PDB file of all heavy atoms in Angstrom:
ATOM      1  N   ARG A   1      67.240  27.479 -40.286  1.00  0.00           N
ATOM      2  CA  ARG A   1      67.001  28.628 -39.406  1.00  0.00           C
ATOM      3  C   ARG A   1      66.099  28.316 -38.216  1.00  0.00           C
ATOM      4  O   ARG A   1      65.598  29.238 -37.569  1.00  0.00           O
ATOM      5  CB  ARG A   1      66.427  29.815 -40.204  1.00  0.00           C
ATOM      6  CG  ARG A   1      67.360  30.313 -41.299  1.00  0.00           C
ATOM      7  CD  ARG A   1      66.836  31.573 -41.971  1.00  0.00           C
ATOM      8  NE  ARG A   1      67.747  32.024 -42.994  1.00  0.00           N
ATOM      9  CZ  ARG A   1      67.765  31.574 -44.256  1.00  0.00           C
ATOM     10  NH1 ARG A   1      66.868  30.663 -44.623  1.00  0.00           N
ATOM     11  NH2 ARG A   1      68.637  32.005 -45.129  1.00  0.00           N
ATOM     12  N   GLN A   2      65.887  27.077 -37.941  1.00  0.00           N
ATOM     13  CA  GLN A   2      65.119  26.742 -36.743  1.00  0.00           C
ATOM     14  C   GLN A   2      66.010  26.779 -35.504  1.00  0.00           C
ATOM     15  O   GLN A   2      67.238  26.818 -35.593  1.00  0.00           O
ATOM     16  CB  GLN A   2      64.498  25.345 -36.880  1.00  0.00           C
ATOM     17  CG  GLN A   2      63.283  25.289 -37.785  1.00  0.00           C
ATOM     18  CD  GLN A   2      62.609  23.930 -37.745  1.00  0.00           C
ATOM     19  OE1 GLN A   2      63.232  22.910 -37.503  1.00  0.00           O
ATOM     20  NE2 GLN A   2      61.306  23.908 -37.986  1.00  0.00           N
ATOM     21  N   ARG A   3      65.364  26.767 -34.344  1.00  0.00           N
ATOM     22  CA  ARG A   3      66.071  26.595 -33.077  1.00  0.00           C
ATOM     23  C   ARG A   3      65.724  25.202 -32.557  1.00  0.00           C
ATOM     24  O   ARG A   3      64.552  24.894 -32.321  1.00  0.00           O
ATOM     25  CB  ARG A   3      65.675  27.657 -32.058  1.00  0.00           C
ATOM     26  CG  ARG A   3      66.285  27.397 -30.673  1.00  0.00           C
ATOM     27  CD  ARG A   3      65.973  28.527 -29.713  1.00  0.00           C
ATOM     28  NE  ARG A   3      66.759  29.703 -30.039  1.00  0.00           N
ATOM     29  CZ  ARG A   3      66.314  30.952 -29.911  1.00  0.00           C
ATOM     30  NH1 ARG A   3      65.082  31.186 -29.491  1.00  0.00           N
ATOM     31  NH2 ARG A   3      67.089  31.966 -30.217  1.00  0.00           N
ATOM     32  N   ILE A   4      66.730  24.378 -32.389  1.00  0.00           N
ATOM     33  CA  ILE A   4      66.534  22.999 -31.954  1.00  0.00           C
ATOM     34  C   ILE A   4      67.343  22.758 -30.690  1.00  0.00           C
ATOM     35  O   ILE A   4      68.520  23.129 -30.612  1.00  0.00           O
ATOM     36  CB  ILE A   4      66.952  22.000 -33.049  1.00  0.00           C
ATOM     37  CG1 ILE A   4      66.052  22.161 -34.278  1.00  0.00           C
ATOM     38  CG2 ILE A   4      66.903  20.565 -32.537  1.00  0.00           C
ATOM     39  CD1 ILE A   4      66.371  21.219 -35.409  1.00  0.00           C
ATOM     40  N   VAL A   5      66.709  22.137 -29.703  1.00  0.00           N
ATOM     41  CA  VAL A   5      67.376  21.775 -28.453  1.00  0.00           C
ATOM     42  C   VAL A   5      67.604  20.272 -28.449  1.00  0.00           C
ATOM     43  O   VAL A   5      66.657  19.493 -28.582  1.00  0.00           O
ATOM     44  CB  VAL A   5      66.549  22.190 -27.228  1.00  0.00           C
ATOM     45  CG1 VAL A   5      67.208  21.671 -25.946  1.00  0.00           C
ATOM     46  CG2 VAL A   5      66.386  23.703 -27.170  1.00  0.00           C
ATOM     47  N   ASP A   6      68.863  19.878 -28.341  1.00  0.00           N
ATOM     48  CA  ASP A   6      69.213  18.473 -28.111  1.00  0.00           C
ATOM     49  C   ASP A   6      69.390  18.342 -26.605  1.00  0.00           C
ATOM     50  O   ASP A   6      70.437  18.661 -26.061  1.00  0.00           O
ATOM     51  CB  ASP A   6      70.497  18.124 -28.871  1.00  0.00           C
ATOM     52  CG  ASP A   6      70.835  16.645 -28.785  1.00  0.00           C
ATOM     53  OD1 ASP A   6      70.138  15.908 -28.066  1.00  0.00           O
ATOM     54  OD2 ASP A   6      71.802  16.217 -29.440  1.00  0.00           O
ATOM     55  N   PHE A   7      68.320  17.874 -25.935  1.00  0.00           N
ATOM     56  CA  PHE A   7      68.224  18.012 -24.482  1.00  0.00           C
ATOM     57  C   PHE A   7      69.179  17.093 -23.727  1.00  0.00           C
ATOM     58  O   PHE A   7      69.615  17.415 -22.635  1.00  0.00           O
ATOM     59  CB  PHE A   7      66.781  17.740 -24.047  1.00  0.00           C
ATOM     60  CG  PHE A   7      66.442  18.276 -22.686  1.00  0.00           C
ATOM     61  CD1 PHE A   7      66.334  19.636 -22.467  1.00  0.00           C
ATOM     62  CD2 PHE A   7      66.228  17.427 -21.619  1.00  0.00           C
ATOM     63  CE1 PHE A   7      66.023  20.150 -21.216  1.00  0.00           C
ATOM     64  CE2 PHE A   7      65.910  17.919 -20.358  1.00  0.00           C
ATOM     65  CZ  PHE A   7      65.807  19.281 -20.160  1.00  0.00           C
ATOM     66  N   CYS A   8      69.488  15.929 -24.285  1.00  0.00           N
ATOM     67  CA  CYS A   8      70.441  14.988 -23.673  1.00  0.00           C
ATOM     68  C   CYS A   8      71.536  14.725 -24.704  1.00  0.00           C
ATOM     69  O   CYS A   8      71.665  13.620 -25.229  1.00  0.00           O
ATOM     70  CB  CYS A   8      69.744  13.697 -23.266  1.00  0.00           C
ATOM     71  SG  CYS A   8      68.364  13.917 -22.111  1.00  0.00           S
ATOM     72  N   ALA A   9      72.330  15.739 -24.970  1.00  0.00           N
ATOM     73  CA  ALA A   9      73.227  15.723 -26.139  1.00  0.00           C
ATOM     74  C   ALA A   9      74.385  14.760 -26.001  1.00  0.00           C
ATOM     75  O   ALA A   9      74.915  14.284 -27.009  1.00  0.00           O
ATOM     76  CB  ALA A   9      73.736  17.139 -26.410  1.00  0.00           C
ATOM     77  N   GLY A  10      74.828  14.474 -24.777  1.00  0.00           N
ATOM     78  CA  GLY A  10      75.971  13.587 -24.603  1.00  0.00           C
ATOM     79  C   GLY A  10      77.184  14.105 -25.347  1.00  0.00           C
ATOM     80  O   GLY A  10      77.561  15.269 -25.246  1.00  0.00           O
ATOM     81  N   GLY A  11      77.792  13.233 -26.164  1.00  0.00           N
ATOM     82  CA  GLY A  11      78.975  13.619 -26.929  1.00  0.00           C
ATOM     83  C   GLY A  11      78.679  14.380 -28.199  1.00  0.00           C
ATOM     84  O   GLY A  11      79.600  14.787 -28.906  1.00  0.00           O
ATOM     85  N   GLY A  12      77.386  14.559 -28.531  1.00  0.00           N
ATOM     86  CA  GLY A  12      77.003  15.462 -29.610  1.00  0.00           C
ATOM     87  C   GLY A  12      76.816  14.857 -30.981  1.00  0.00           C
ATOM     88  O   GLY A  12      76.676  15.599 -31.963  1.00  0.00           O
ATOM     89  N   GLY A  13      76.770  13.535 -31.104  1.00  0.00           N
ATOM     90  CA  GLY A  13      76.619  12.924 -32.418  1.00  0.00           C
ATOM     91  C   GLY A  13      75.364  13.356 -33.143  1.00  0.00           C
ATOM     92  O   GLY A  13      75.396  13.714 -34.329  1.00  0.00           O
ATOM     93  N   LYS A  14      74.223  13.359 -32.433  1.00  0.00           N
ATOM     94  CA  LYS A  14      72.961  13.756 -33.081  1.00  0.00           C
ATOM     95  C   LYS A  14      72.909  15.264 -33.301  1.00  0.00           C
ATOM     96  O   LYS A  14      72.354  15.726 -34.300  1.00  0.00           O
ATOM     97  CB  LYS A  14      71.777  13.275 -32.242  1.00  0.00           C
ATOM     98  CG  LYS A  14      71.676  11.755 -32.158  1.00  0.00           C
ATOM     99  CD  LYS A  14      70.477  11.325 -31.342  1.00  0.00           C
ATOM    100  CE  LYS A  14      70.459   9.813 -31.189  1.00  0.00           C
ATOM    101  NZ  LYS A  14      71.600   9.312 -30.375  1.00  0.00           N
ATOM    102  N   ALA A  15      73.496  16.030 -32.382  1.00  0.00           N
ATOM    103  CA  ALA A  15      73.534  17.484 -32.570  1.00  0.00           C
ATOM    104  C   ALA A  15      74.292  17.841 -33.841  1.00  0.00           C
ATOM    105  O   ALA A  15      73.885  18.739 -34.601  1.00  0.00           O
ATOM    106  CB  ALA A  15      74.186  18.154 -31.355  1.00  0.00           C
ATOM    107  N   LEU A  16      75.397  17.148 -34.104  1.00  0.00           N
ATOM    108  CA  LEU A  16      76.161  17.395 -35.327  1.00  0.00           C
ATOM    109  C   LEU A  16      75.322  17.092 -36.561  1.00  0.00           C
ATOM    110  O   LEU A  16      75.341  17.848 -37.542  1.00  0.00           O
ATOM    111  CB  LEU A  16      77.418  16.522 -35.335  1.00  0.00           C
ATOM    112  CG  LEU A  16      78.544  16.908 -34.373  1.00  0.00           C
ATOM    113  CD1 LEU A  16      79.558  15.781 -34.290  1.00  0.00           C
ATOM    114  CD2 LEU A  16      79.221  18.186 -34.826  1.00  0.00           C
ATOM    115  N   HIS A  17      74.579  15.992 -36.527  1.00  0.00           N
ATOM    116  CA  HIS A  17      73.761  15.628 -37.672  1.00  0.00           C
ATOM    117  C   HIS A  17      72.644  16.650 -37.878  1.00  0.00           C
ATOM    118  O   HIS A  17      72.369  17.064 -39.010  1.00  0.00           O
ATOM    119  CB  HIS A  17      73.176  14.225 -37.461  1.00  0.00           C
ATOM    120  CG  HIS A  17      72.599  13.635 -38.699  1.00  0.00           C
ATOM    121  ND1 HIS A  17      71.916  12.440 -38.711  1.00  0.00           N
ATOM    122  CD2 HIS A  17      72.590  14.078 -39.996  1.00  0.00           C
ATOM    123  CE1 HIS A  17      71.523  12.172 -39.947  1.00  0.00           C
ATOM    124  NE2 HIS A  17      71.906  13.148 -40.737  1.00  0.00           N
ATOM    125  N   LEU A  18      72.007  17.071 -36.793  1.00  0.00           N
ATOM    126  CA  LEU A  18      70.945  18.072 -36.897  1.00  0.00           C
ATOM    127  C   LEU A  18      71.485  19.372 -37.485  1.00  0.00           C
ATOM    128  O   LEU A  18      70.864  19.986 -38.357  1.00  0.00           O
ATOM    129  CB  LEU A  18      70.327  18.324 -35.524  1.00  0.00           C
ATOM    130  CG  LEU A  18      69.527  17.170 -34.919  1.00  0.00           C
ATOM    131  CD1 LEU A  18      69.212  17.448 -33.454  1.00  0.00           C
ATOM    132  CD2 LEU A  18      68.239  16.938 -35.703  1.00  0.00           C
ATOM    133  N   ALA A  19      72.651  19.812 -36.998  1.00  0.00           N
ATOM    134  CA  ALA A  19      73.248  21.056 -37.496  1.00  0.00           C
ATOM    135  C   ALA A  19      73.562  20.955 -38.985  1.00  0.00           C
ATOM    136  O   ALA A  19      73.408  21.929 -39.742  1.00  0.00           O
ATOM    137  CB  ALA A  19      74.523  21.361 -36.710  1.00  0.00           C
ATOM    138  N   THR A  20      73.979  19.778 -39.428  1.00  0.00           N
ATOM    139  CA  THR A  20      74.275  19.569 -40.846  1.00  0.00           C
ATOM    140  C   THR A  20      72.999  19.608 -41.682  1.00  0.00           C
ATOM    141  O   THR A  20      72.953  20.240 -42.751  1.00  0.00           O
ATOM    142  CB  THR A  20      74.993  18.226 -41.037  1.00  0.00           C
ATOM    143  OG1 THR A  20      76.173  18.194 -40.232  1.00  0.00           O
ATOM    144  CG2 THR A  20      75.386  18.027 -42.491  1.00  0.00           C
ATOM    145  N   LEU A  21      71.947  18.939 -41.197  1.00  0.00           N
ATOM    146  CA  LEU A  21      70.682  18.933 -41.929  1.00  0.00           C
ATOM    147  C   LEU A  21      70.079  20.334 -42.014  1.00  0.00           C
ATOM    148  O   LEU A  21      69.322  20.632 -42.941  1.00  0.00           O
ATOM    149  CB  LEU A  21      69.694  17.971 -41.261  1.00  0.00           C
ATOM    150  CG  LEU A  21      70.029  16.480 -41.366  1.00  0.00           C
ATOM    151  CD1 LEU A  21      69.040  15.643 -40.562  1.00  0.00           C
ATOM    152  CD2 LEU A  21      70.039  16.034 -42.827  1.00  0.00           C
ATOM    153  N   MET A  22      70.415  21.207 -41.052  1.00  0.00           N
ATOM    154  CA  MET A  22      69.949  22.590 -41.091  1.00  0.00           C
ATOM    155  C   MET A  22      70.858  23.461 -41.951  1.00  0.00           C
ATOM    156  O   MET A  22      70.694  24.682 -42.001  1.00  0.00           O
ATOM    157  CB  MET A  22      69.883  23.152 -39.665  1.00  0.00           C
ATOM    158  CG  MET A  22      68.822  22.463 -38.803  1.00  0.00           C
ATOM    159  SD  MET A  22      69.052  22.774 -37.039  1.00  0.00           S
ATOM    160  CE  MET A  22      68.783  24.542 -36.948  1.00  0.00           C
ATOM    161  N   GLU A  23      71.837  22.826 -42.611  1.00  0.00           N
ATOM    162  CA  GLU A  23      72.761  23.500 -43.525  1.00  0.00           C
ATOM    163  C   GLU A  23      73.528  24.626 -42.832  1.00  0.00           C
ATOM    164  O   GLU A  23      73.760  25.702 -43.392  1.00  0.00           O
ATOM    165  CB  GLU A  23      72.012  24.022 -44.766  1.00  0.00           C
ATOM    166  CG  GLU A  23      71.329  22.912 -45.554  1.00  0.00           C
ATOM    167  CD  GLU A  23      70.560  23.437 -46.752  1.00  0.00           C
ATOM    168  OE1 GLU A  23      70.790  24.595 -47.150  1.00  0.00           O
ATOM    169  OE2 GLU A  23      69.721  22.696 -47.278  1.00  0.00           O
ATOM    170  N   ASN A  24      73.889  24.344 -41.578  1.00  0.00           N
ATOM    171  CA  ASN A  24      74.713  25.267 -40.790  1.00  0.00           C
ATOM    172  C   ASN A  24      74.030  26.613 -40.562  1.00  0.00           C
ATOM    173  O   ASN A  24      74.680  27.650 -40.421  1.00  0.00           O
ATOM    174  CB  ASN A  24      76.084  25.474 -41.446  1.00  0.00           C
ATOM    175  CG  ASN A  24      77.142  25.930 -40.450  1.00  0.00           C
ATOM    176  OD1 ASN A  24      77.050  25.629 -39.255  1.00  0.00           O
ATOM    177  ND2 ASN A  24      78.135  26.647 -40.925  1.00  0.00           N
ATOM    178  N   THR A  25      72.687  26.607 -40.534  1.00  0.00           N
ATOM    179  CA  THR A  25      71.921  27.813 -40.219  1.00  0.00           C
ATOM    180  C   THR A  25      71.190  27.592 -38.903  1.00  0.00           C
ATOM    181  O   THR A  25      71.216  26.512 -38.323  1.00  0.00           O
ATOM    182  CB  THR A  25      70.890  28.119 -41.317  1.00  0.00           C
ATOM    183  OG1 THR A  25      69.887  27.079 -41.320  1.00  0.00           O
ATOM    184  CG2 THR A  25      71.546  28.179 -42.683  1.00  0.00           C
ATOM    185  N   GLY A  26      70.482  28.604 -38.435  1.00  0.00           N
ATOM    186  CA  GLY A  26      69.712  28.463 -37.212  1.00  0.00           C
ATOM    187  C   GLY A  26      70.604  28.186 -36.017  1.00  0.00           C
ATOM    188  O   GLY A  26      71.762  28.626 -35.963  1.00  0.00           O
ATOM    189  N   GLU A  27      70.074  27.428 -35.056  1.00  0.00           N
ATOM    190  CA  GLU A  27      70.815  27.183 -33.823  1.00  0.00           C
ATOM    191  C   GLU A  27      70.455  25.816 -33.270  1.00  0.00           C
ATOM    192  O   GLU A  27      69.276  25.480 -33.113  1.00  0.00           O
ATOM    193  CB  GLU A  27      70.477  28.271 -32.798  1.00  0.00           C
ATOM    194  CG  GLU A  27      71.224  28.125 -31.487  1.00  0.00           C
ATOM    195  CD  GLU A  27      70.828  29.207 -30.494  1.00  0.00           C
ATOM    196  OE1 GLU A  27      69.604  29.433 -30.306  1.00  0.00           O
ATOM    197  OE2 GLU A  27      71.726  29.821 -29.899  1.00  0.00           O
ATOM    198  N   VAL A  28      71.470  25.036 -32.977  1.00  0.00           N
ATOM    199  CA  VAL A  28      71.311  23.769 -32.254  1.00  0.00           C
ATOM    200  C   VAL A  28      71.907  23.963 -30.872  1.00  0.00           C
ATOM    201  O   VAL A  28      73.106  24.240 -30.743  1.00  0.00           O
ATOM    202  CB  VAL A  28      72.003  22.602 -32.973  1.00  0.00           C
ATOM    203  CG1 VAL A  28      71.881  21.324 -32.142  1.00  0.00           C
ATOM    204  CG2 VAL A  28      71.405  22.383 -34.353  1.00  0.00           C
ATOM    205  N   ILE A  29      71.071  23.845 -29.859  1.00  0.00           N
ATOM    206  CA  ILE A  29      71.521  24.007 -28.471  1.00  0.00           C
ATOM    207  C   ILE A  29      71.734  22.616 -27.890  1.00  0.00           C
ATOM    208  O   ILE A  29      70.784  21.849 -27.723  1.00  0.00           O
ATOM    209  CB  ILE A  29      70.493  24.786 -27.637  1.00  0.00           C
ATOM    210  CG1 ILE A  29      70.273  26.172 -28.254  1.00  0.00           C
ATOM    211  CG2 ILE A  29      70.958  24.900 -26.192  1.00  0.00           C
ATOM    212  CD1 ILE A  29      69.133  26.943 -27.610  1.00  0.00           C
ATOM    213  N   ALA A  30      72.997  22.285 -27.627  1.00  0.00           N
ATOM    214  CA  ALA A  30      73.346  20.978 -27.067  1.00  0.00           C
ATOM    215  C   ALA A  30      73.392  21.089 -25.549  1.00  0.00           C
ATOM    216  O   ALA A  30      74.263  21.763 -24.992  1.00  0.00           O
ATOM    217  CB  ALA A  30      74.683  20.513 -27.614  1.00  0.00           C
ATOM    218  N   MET A  31      72.437  20.428 -24.891  1.00  0.00           N
ATOM    219  CA  MET A  31      72.335  20.486 -23.429  1.00  0.00           C
ATOM    220  C   MET A  31      72.587  19.101 -22.827  1.00  0.00           C
ATOM    221  O   MET A  31      72.245  18.090 -23.428  1.00  0.00           O
ATOM    222  CB  MET A  31      70.952  20.984 -23.000  1.00  0.00           C
ATOM    223  CG  MET A  31      70.616  22.367 -23.484  1.00  0.00           C
ATOM    224  SD  MET A  31      68.900  22.860 -23.072  1.00  0.00           S
ATOM    225  CE  MET A  31      69.020  22.948 -21.284  1.00  0.00           C
ATOM    226  N   ASP A  32      73.184  19.078 -21.645  1.00  0.00           N
ATOM    227  CA  ASP A  32      73.382  17.823 -20.919  1.00  0.00           C
ATOM    228  C   ASP A  32      73.853  18.155 -19.513  1.00  0.00           C
ATOM    229  O   ASP A  32      74.424  19.237 -19.281  1.00  0.00           O
ATOM    230  CB  ASP A  32      74.423  16.941 -21.627  1.00  0.00           C
ATOM    231  CG  ASP A  32      74.246  15.461 -21.296  1.00  0.00           C
ATOM    232  OD1 ASP A  32      74.604  15.068 -20.179  1.00  0.00           O
ATOM    233  OD2 ASP A  32      73.734  14.715 -22.146  1.00  0.00           O
ATOM    234  N   VAL A  33      73.607  17.228 -18.592  1.00  0.00           N
ATOM    235  CA  VAL A  33      74.087  17.430 -17.224  1.00  0.00           C
ATOM    236  C   VAL A  33      75.554  17.039 -17.105  1.00  0.00           C
ATOM    237  O   VAL A  33      76.223  17.410 -16.136  1.00  0.00           O
ATOM    238  CB  VAL A  33      73.254  16.610 -16.212  1.00  0.00           C
ATOM    239  CG1 VAL A  33      71.808  17.078 -16.193  1.00  0.00           C
ATOM    240  CG2 VAL A  33      73.325  15.112 -16.523  1.00  0.00           C
ATOM    241  N   ASN A  34      76.080  16.284 -18.077  1.00  0.00           N
ATOM    242  CA  ASN A  34      77.450  15.786 -18.023  1.00  0.00           C
ATOM    243  C   ASN A  34      78.364  16.709 -18.825  1.00  0.00           C
ATOM    244  O   ASN A  34      78.458  16.619 -20.045  1.00  0.00           O
ATOM    245  CB  ASN A  34      77.496  14.360 -18.587  1.00  0.00           C
ATOM    246  CG  ASN A  34      78.835  13.681 -18.348  1.00  0.00           C
ATOM    247  OD1 ASN A  34      79.876  14.333 -18.312  1.00  0.00           O
ATOM    248  ND2 ASN A  34      78.813  12.361 -18.194  1.00  0.00           N
ATOM    249  N   GLU A  35      79.040  17.599 -18.119  1.00  0.00           N
ATOM    250  CA  GLU A  35      79.891  18.579 -18.799  1.00  0.00           C
ATOM    251  C   GLU A  35      81.090  17.921 -19.471  1.00  0.00           C
ATOM    252  O   GLU A  35      81.587  18.408 -20.495  1.00  0.00           O
ATOM    253  CB  GLU A  35      80.370  19.644 -17.819  1.00  0.00           C
ATOM    254  CG  GLU A  35      79.277  20.605 -17.390  1.00  0.00           C
ATOM    255  CD  GLU A  35      79.823  21.840 -16.695  1.00  0.00           C
ATOM    256  OE1 GLU A  35      80.670  22.528 -17.302  1.00  0.00           O
ATOM    257  OE2 GLU A  35      79.399  22.098 -15.561  1.00  0.00           O
ATOM    258  N   ARG A  36      81.582  16.799 -18.905  1.00  0.00           N
ATOM    259  CA  ARG A  36      82.718  16.114 -19.518  1.00  0.00           C
ATOM    260  C   ARG A  36      82.359  15.630 -20.914  1.00  0.00           C
ATOM    261  O   ARG A  36      83.138  15.776 -21.856  1.00  0.00           O
ATOM    262  CB  ARG A  36      83.157  14.923 -18.649  1.00  0.00           C
ATOM    263  CG  ARG A  36      84.398  14.200 -19.172  1.00  0.00           C
ATOM    264  CD  ARG A  36      84.685  12.939 -18.375  1.00  0.00           C
ATOM    265  NE  ARG A  36      83.638  11.959 -18.535  1.00  0.00           N
ATOM    266  CZ  ARG A  36      83.538  11.135 -19.571  1.00  0.00           C
ATOM    267  NH1 ARG A  36      84.419  11.193 -20.555  1.00  0.00           N
ATOM    268  NH2 ARG A  36      82.557  10.258 -19.638  1.00  0.00           N
ATOM    269  N   ARG A  37      81.165  15.051 -21.064  1.00  0.00           N
ATOM    270  CA  ARG A  37      80.751  14.584 -22.384  1.00  0.00           C
ATOM    271  C   ARG A  37      80.461  15.761 -23.314  1.00  0.00           C
ATOM    272  O   ARG A  37      80.789  15.716 -24.506  1.00  0.00           O
ATOM    273  CB  ARG A  37      79.516  13.687 -22.261  1.00  0.00           C
ATOM    274  CG  ARG A  37      79.774  12.376 -21.526  1.00  0.00           C
ATOM    275  CD  ARG A  37      78.639  11.406 -21.743  1.00  0.00           C
ATOM    276  NE  ARG A  37      78.598  10.962 -23.135  1.00  0.00           N
ATOM    277  CZ  ARG A  37      77.555  10.361 -23.690  1.00  0.00           C
ATOM    278  NH1 ARG A  37      76.463  10.162 -22.978  1.00  0.00           N
ATOM    279  NH2 ARG A  37      77.588   9.974 -24.949  1.00  0.00           N
ATOM    280  N   LEU A  38      79.881  16.818 -22.784  1.00  0.00           N
ATOM    281  CA  LEU A  38      79.617  17.996 -23.617  1.00  0.00           C
ATOM    282  C   LEU A  38      80.901  18.600 -24.166  1.00  0.00           C
ATOM    283  O   LEU A  38      80.920  19.144 -25.280  1.00  0.00           O
ATOM    284  CB  LEU A  38      78.871  19.059 -22.805  1.00  0.00           C
ATOM    285  CG  LEU A  38      77.362  18.907 -22.632  1.00  0.00           C
ATOM    286  CD1 LEU A  38      76.817  20.032 -21.767  1.00  0.00           C
ATOM    287  CD2 LEU A  38      76.649  18.898 -23.987  1.00  0.00           C
ATOM    288  N   SER A  39      81.981  18.488 -23.395  1.00  0.00           N
ATOM    289  CA  SER A  39      83.248  19.084 -23.840  1.00  0.00           C
ATOM    290  C   SER A  39      83.784  18.411 -25.099  1.00  0.00           C
ATOM    291  O   SER A  39      84.668  18.952 -25.777  1.00  0.00           O
ATOM    292  CB  SER A  39      84.293  18.992 -22.720  1.00  0.00           C
ATOM    293  OG  SER A  39      84.641  17.632 -22.466  1.00  0.00           O
ATOM    294  N   GLN A  40      83.276  17.217 -25.420  1.00  0.00           N
ATOM    295  CA  GLN A  40      83.732  16.511 -26.613  1.00  0.00           C
ATOM    296  C   GLN A  40      83.138  17.091 -27.897  1.00  0.00           C
ATOM    297  O   GLN A  40      83.598  16.766 -29.000  1.00  0.00           O
ATOM    298  CB  GLN A  40      83.352  15.027 -26.507  1.00  0.00           C
ATOM    299  CG  GLN A  40      83.940  14.316 -25.302  1.00  0.00           C
ATOM    300  CD  GLN A  40      83.344  12.926 -25.107  1.00  0.00           C
ATOM    301  OE1 GLN A  40      82.684  12.397 -25.998  1.00  0.00           O
ATOM    302  NE2 GLN A  40      83.578  12.333 -23.948  1.00  0.00           N
ATOM    303  N   ILE A  41      82.108  17.929 -27.754  1.00  0.00           N
ATOM    304  CA  ILE A  41      81.397  18.399 -28.940  1.00  0.00           C
ATOM    305  C   ILE A  41      82.206  19.407 -29.736  1.00  0.00           C
ATOM    306  O   ILE A  41      82.256  19.345 -30.970  1.00  0.00           O
ATOM    307  CB  ILE A  41      80.031  19.007 -28.543  1.00  0.00           C
ATOM    308  CG1 ILE A  41      79.149  17.941 -27.898  1.00  0.00           C
ATOM    309  CG2 ILE A  41      79.340  19.605 -29.764  1.00  0.00           C
ATOM    310  CD1 ILE A  41      77.801  18.454 -27.440  1.00  0.00           C
ATOM    311  N   LYS A  42      82.859  20.356 -29.061  1.00  0.00           N
ATOM    312  CA  LYS A  42      83.514  21.455 -29.790  1.00  0.00           C
ATOM    313  C   LYS A  42      84.522  20.967 -30.826  1.00  0.00           C
ATOM    314  O   LYS A  42      84.449  21.384 -32.001  1.00  0.00           O
ATOM    315  CB  LYS A  42      84.166  22.439 -28.826  1.00  0.00           C
ATOM    316  CG  LYS A  42      84.771  23.633 -29.567  1.00  0.00           C
ATOM    317  CD  LYS A  42      85.303  24.702 -28.623  1.00  0.00           C
ATOM    318  CE  LYS A  42      85.871  25.871 -29.422  1.00  0.00           C
ATOM    319  NZ  LYS A  42      86.385  26.937 -28.533  1.00  0.00           N
ATOM    320  N   PRO A  43      85.479  20.100 -30.463  1.00  0.00           N
ATOM    321  CA  PRO A  43      86.422  19.665 -31.513  1.00  0.00           C
ATOM    322  C   PRO A  43      85.728  18.922 -32.650  1.00  0.00           C
ATOM    323  O   PRO A  43      86.198  18.962 -33.800  1.00  0.00           O
ATOM    324  CB  PRO A  43      87.396  18.745 -30.759  1.00  0.00           C
ATOM    325  CG  PRO A  43      86.729  18.409 -29.465  1.00  0.00           C
ATOM    326  CD  PRO A  43      85.835  19.550 -29.145  1.00  0.00           C
ATOM    327  N   ARG A  44      84.598  18.304 -32.368  1.00  0.00           N
ATOM    328  CA  ARG A  44      83.878  17.578 -33.420  1.00  0.00           C
ATOM    329  C   ARG A  44      83.204  18.554 -34.390  1.00  0.00           C
ATOM    330  O   ARG A  44      83.262  18.353 -35.605  1.00  0.00           O
ATOM    331  CB  ARG A  44      82.846  16.634 -32.798  1.00  0.00           C
ATOM    332  CG  ARG A  44      83.466  15.531 -31.955  1.00  0.00           C
ATOM    333  CD  ARG A  44      82.413  14.656 -31.305  1.00  0.00           C
ATOM    334  NE  ARG A  44      81.745  13.785 -32.270  1.00  0.00           N
ATOM    335  CZ  ARG A  44      80.760  12.954 -31.952  1.00  0.00           C
ATOM    336  NH1 ARG A  44      80.319  12.893 -30.700  1.00  0.00           N
ATOM    337  NH2 ARG A  44      80.215  12.195 -32.885  1.00  0.00           N
ATOM    338  N   TYR A  45      82.566  19.626 -33.867  1.00  0.00           N
ATOM    339  CA  TYR A  45      81.913  20.531 -34.818  1.00  0.00           C
ATOM    340  C   TYR A  45      82.921  21.434 -35.530  1.00  0.00           C
ATOM    341  O   TYR A  45      82.673  21.892 -36.648  1.00  0.00           O
ATOM    342  CB  TYR A  45      80.765  21.318 -34.184  1.00  0.00           C
ATOM    343  CG  TYR A  45      81.049  22.400 -33.177  1.00  0.00           C
ATOM    344  CD1 TYR A  45      81.734  23.560 -33.513  1.00  0.00           C
ATOM    345  CD2 TYR A  45      80.551  22.309 -31.876  1.00  0.00           C
ATOM    346  CE1 TYR A  45      81.950  24.575 -32.595  1.00  0.00           C
ATOM    347  CE2 TYR A  45      80.751  23.320 -30.941  1.00  0.00           C
ATOM    348  CZ  TYR A  45      81.461  24.447 -31.305  1.00  0.00           C
ATOM    349  OH  TYR A  45      81.663  25.448 -30.390  1.00  0.00           O
ATOM    350  N   VAL A  46      84.074  21.656 -34.906  1.00  0.00           N
ATOM    351  CA  VAL A  46      85.131  22.391 -35.608  1.00  0.00           C
ATOM    352  C   VAL A  46      85.634  21.568 -36.780  1.00  0.00           C
ATOM    353  O   VAL A  46      85.806  22.077 -37.903  1.00  0.00           O
ATOM    354  CB  VAL A  46      86.282  22.745 -34.644  1.00  0.00           C
ATOM    355  CG1 VAL A  46      87.491  23.257 -35.423  1.00  0.00           C
ATOM    356  CG2 VAL A  46      85.821  23.785 -33.628  1.00  0.00           C
TER     357      VAL A  46
END
């Protein structure tokens, strides 16, 4: 249930791990200046 910001999330590998360790609760905010790399995250967390 924490709120965690992955400030340079890139393709989201660490964001996925953080979200898993939080047992799919709380919020992981994946931020990055590169929208192309950020777009890779959604199919991965689905």
